[in-house]
Protein backbone atom coordinates (compact mmCIF):
# COMPACT_ATOMS: atom_id res chain seq x y z
CA MET A 1 -6.50 15.25 -5.50
CA LYS A 2 -8.44 12.13 -4.56
CA ARG A 3 -10.71 12.22 -1.52
CA TYR A 4 -11.38 9.37 0.91
CA SER A 5 -13.99 8.50 3.52
CA ALA A 6 -12.88 8.09 7.13
CA SER A 7 -13.33 4.31 6.70
CA GLU A 8 -11.05 4.26 3.67
CA ILE A 9 -8.42 6.32 5.47
CA MET A 10 -8.65 3.96 8.45
CA GLU A 11 -8.01 0.96 6.18
CA MET A 12 -4.88 2.63 4.76
CA LYS A 13 -3.20 2.42 8.19
CA LEU A 14 -1.16 5.55 7.53
CA PRO A 15 1.66 6.38 9.97
CA GLY A 16 0.65 9.20 12.28
CA VAL A 17 -3.06 8.87 11.51
CA PRO A 18 -5.54 7.57 14.12
CA ARG A 19 -6.81 4.02 13.66
CA THR A 20 -10.50 4.85 14.26
CA LYS A 21 -13.04 6.74 12.16
CA VAL A 22 -13.78 9.11 15.05
CA GLY A 23 -10.08 9.83 15.53
CA ILE A 24 -9.62 10.46 11.81
CA ARG A 25 -12.59 12.86 11.73
CA GLN A 26 -11.19 14.73 14.74
CA MET A 27 -7.73 14.97 13.16
CA ALA A 28 -9.21 16.18 9.87
CA GLU A 29 -11.22 18.86 11.66
CA ARG A 30 -8.31 19.91 13.87
CA GLU A 31 -5.93 20.19 10.90
CA GLY A 32 -8.52 21.66 8.51
CA TRP A 33 -8.40 18.98 5.82
CA PRO A 34 -10.49 19.96 2.77
CA PHE A 35 -13.58 17.79 2.33
CA THR A 36 -16.73 17.36 0.30
CA THR A 37 -20.03 16.03 1.58
CA THR A 38 -21.85 13.34 -0.38
CA THR A 39 -25.35 12.00 0.11
CA GLY A 40 -26.23 8.39 -0.47
CA VAL A 41 -28.57 5.64 0.66
CA GLY A 42 -27.03 5.56 4.14
CA GLY A 43 -27.11 9.33 4.61
CA THR A 44 -24.32 11.86 4.24
CA ARG A 45 -20.60 11.34 4.55
CA ARG A 46 -17.49 13.43 4.24
CA LEU A 47 -14.76 12.64 1.75
CA TYR A 48 -11.45 14.08 2.93
CA GLU A 49 -8.42 15.26 1.00
CA VAL A 50 -5.62 13.64 3.00
CA PRO A 51 -2.48 15.79 3.21
CA THR A 52 0.32 14.56 0.95
CA ARG A 53 2.71 14.33 3.90
CA LEU A 54 0.47 11.65 5.42
CA LEU A 55 -0.17 9.75 2.19
CA SER A 56 3.56 9.48 1.59
CA GLY A 57 4.22 8.30 5.12
CA GLN A 58 6.17 11.45 6.01
CA SER A 59 5.93 12.87 9.50
CA GLN A 60 7.23 16.22 8.27
CA GLU A 61 6.46 17.80 4.91
CA GLY A 62 9.37 17.77 2.50
CA ARG A 63 11.48 15.35 4.49
CA ALA A 64 14.38 14.34 2.25
CA ASP A 65 14.85 10.89 3.80
CA ALA A 66 11.23 9.84 3.35
CA GLU A 67 10.50 6.54 1.65
CA PRO A 68 8.67 6.68 -1.68
CA VAL A 69 5.06 5.60 -1.81
CA VAL A 70 4.39 2.68 -4.10
CA THR A 71 0.92 1.98 -5.41
CA ILE A 72 -0.29 -1.30 -6.83
CA ALA A 73 -2.63 -1.77 -9.77
CA ALA A 74 -5.66 -2.50 -7.59
CA GLY A 75 -5.39 1.00 -6.15
CA GLY A 76 -4.01 -0.09 -2.81
CA ARG A 77 -0.74 0.84 -1.22
CA ALA A 78 2.37 -1.28 -1.15
CA ASP A 79 5.25 -1.33 1.31
CA PRO A 80 8.35 -0.36 -0.72
CA LYS A 81 10.69 -2.54 1.37
CA VAL A 82 8.50 -5.64 1.07
CA LEU A 83 8.03 -5.01 -2.64
CA ALA A 84 11.78 -4.61 -3.18
CA TRP A 85 12.45 -7.83 -1.25
CA THR A 86 9.82 -9.64 -3.32
CA VAL A 87 11.31 -8.48 -6.62
CA LYS A 88 14.82 -9.41 -5.47
CA ALA A 89 13.70 -12.86 -4.31
CA LEU A 90 12.03 -13.57 -7.66
CA GLU A 91 15.00 -12.32 -9.68
CA GLU A 92 17.46 -14.40 -7.62
CA TRP A 93 15.27 -17.48 -8.01
CA LEU A 94 14.98 -16.97 -11.78
CA ASP A 95 18.78 -16.55 -12.06
CA ALA A 96 19.47 -19.63 -9.90
CA ASN A 97 17.15 -21.70 -12.08
CA GLY A 98 18.40 -20.29 -15.38
CA MET A 99 14.95 -19.02 -16.26
CA GLU A 100 13.78 -15.92 -18.12
CA ILE A 101 10.17 -14.78 -18.25
CA ASP A 102 8.45 -11.92 -20.04
CA ALA A 103 7.65 -8.70 -18.20
CA GLU A 104 3.91 -9.39 -17.98
CA ARG A 105 4.40 -12.78 -16.31
CA LYS A 106 7.11 -11.36 -14.06
CA GLY A 107 4.73 -8.60 -12.93
CA ALA A 108 2.03 -11.15 -12.21
CA LEU A 109 4.43 -13.31 -10.18
CA ILE A 110 5.63 -10.30 -8.21
CA SER A 111 2.02 -9.43 -7.43
CA VAL A 112 1.26 -12.97 -6.22
CA LEU A 113 4.46 -13.17 -4.18
CA TYR A 114 3.92 -9.73 -2.65
CA ASP A 115 0.42 -10.71 -1.58
CA TYR A 116 1.74 -13.99 -0.15
CA VAL A 117 4.48 -12.23 1.82
CA THR A 118 2.15 -9.55 3.20
CA ARG A 119 -0.11 -12.34 4.46
CA GLY A 120 2.75 -13.68 6.58
CA ALA A 121 4.71 -16.03 4.33
CA GLY A 122 8.38 -16.31 5.18
CA VAL A 123 11.42 -17.21 3.09
CA GLU A 124 10.71 -20.96 3.23
CA GLU A 125 7.09 -20.55 2.15
CA VAL A 126 8.10 -18.26 -0.71
CA SER A 127 10.75 -20.78 -1.81
CA THR A 128 8.17 -23.57 -1.75
CA LEU A 129 5.74 -21.48 -3.82
CA LEU A 130 8.43 -20.64 -6.39
CA ARG A 131 9.43 -24.31 -6.70
CA ALA A 132 5.78 -25.19 -7.32
CA MET A 133 5.61 -22.63 -10.15
CA LYS A 134 8.58 -24.16 -11.98
């Protein structure tokens, strides 16, 4: 299983996980997360194995109603609801404009649109961007 520094875990903004490095370290110690220690130019640091229940956004292990975790090519995490909305918006726009595109281009457009939406773009901005791509 992959291991992460407290800074990396903080950037993930996982539900139920503290938003500071100190808080993450305290939680990891309290819950007994496995870790390895690495030494580098800046000294030593711990790389933690984050429990699966936290990586998947579950507050309880094995919860049946938990949302799936979606990862994106760059190694980051994606919000499944935003991603689904982005895919639906693109597909509806392509249908409305009688367009078909290959899977590679569609994937690239979804990536661009997802990034745009997560940066605060609303329906009107997404529509404007899609019209510009025509």
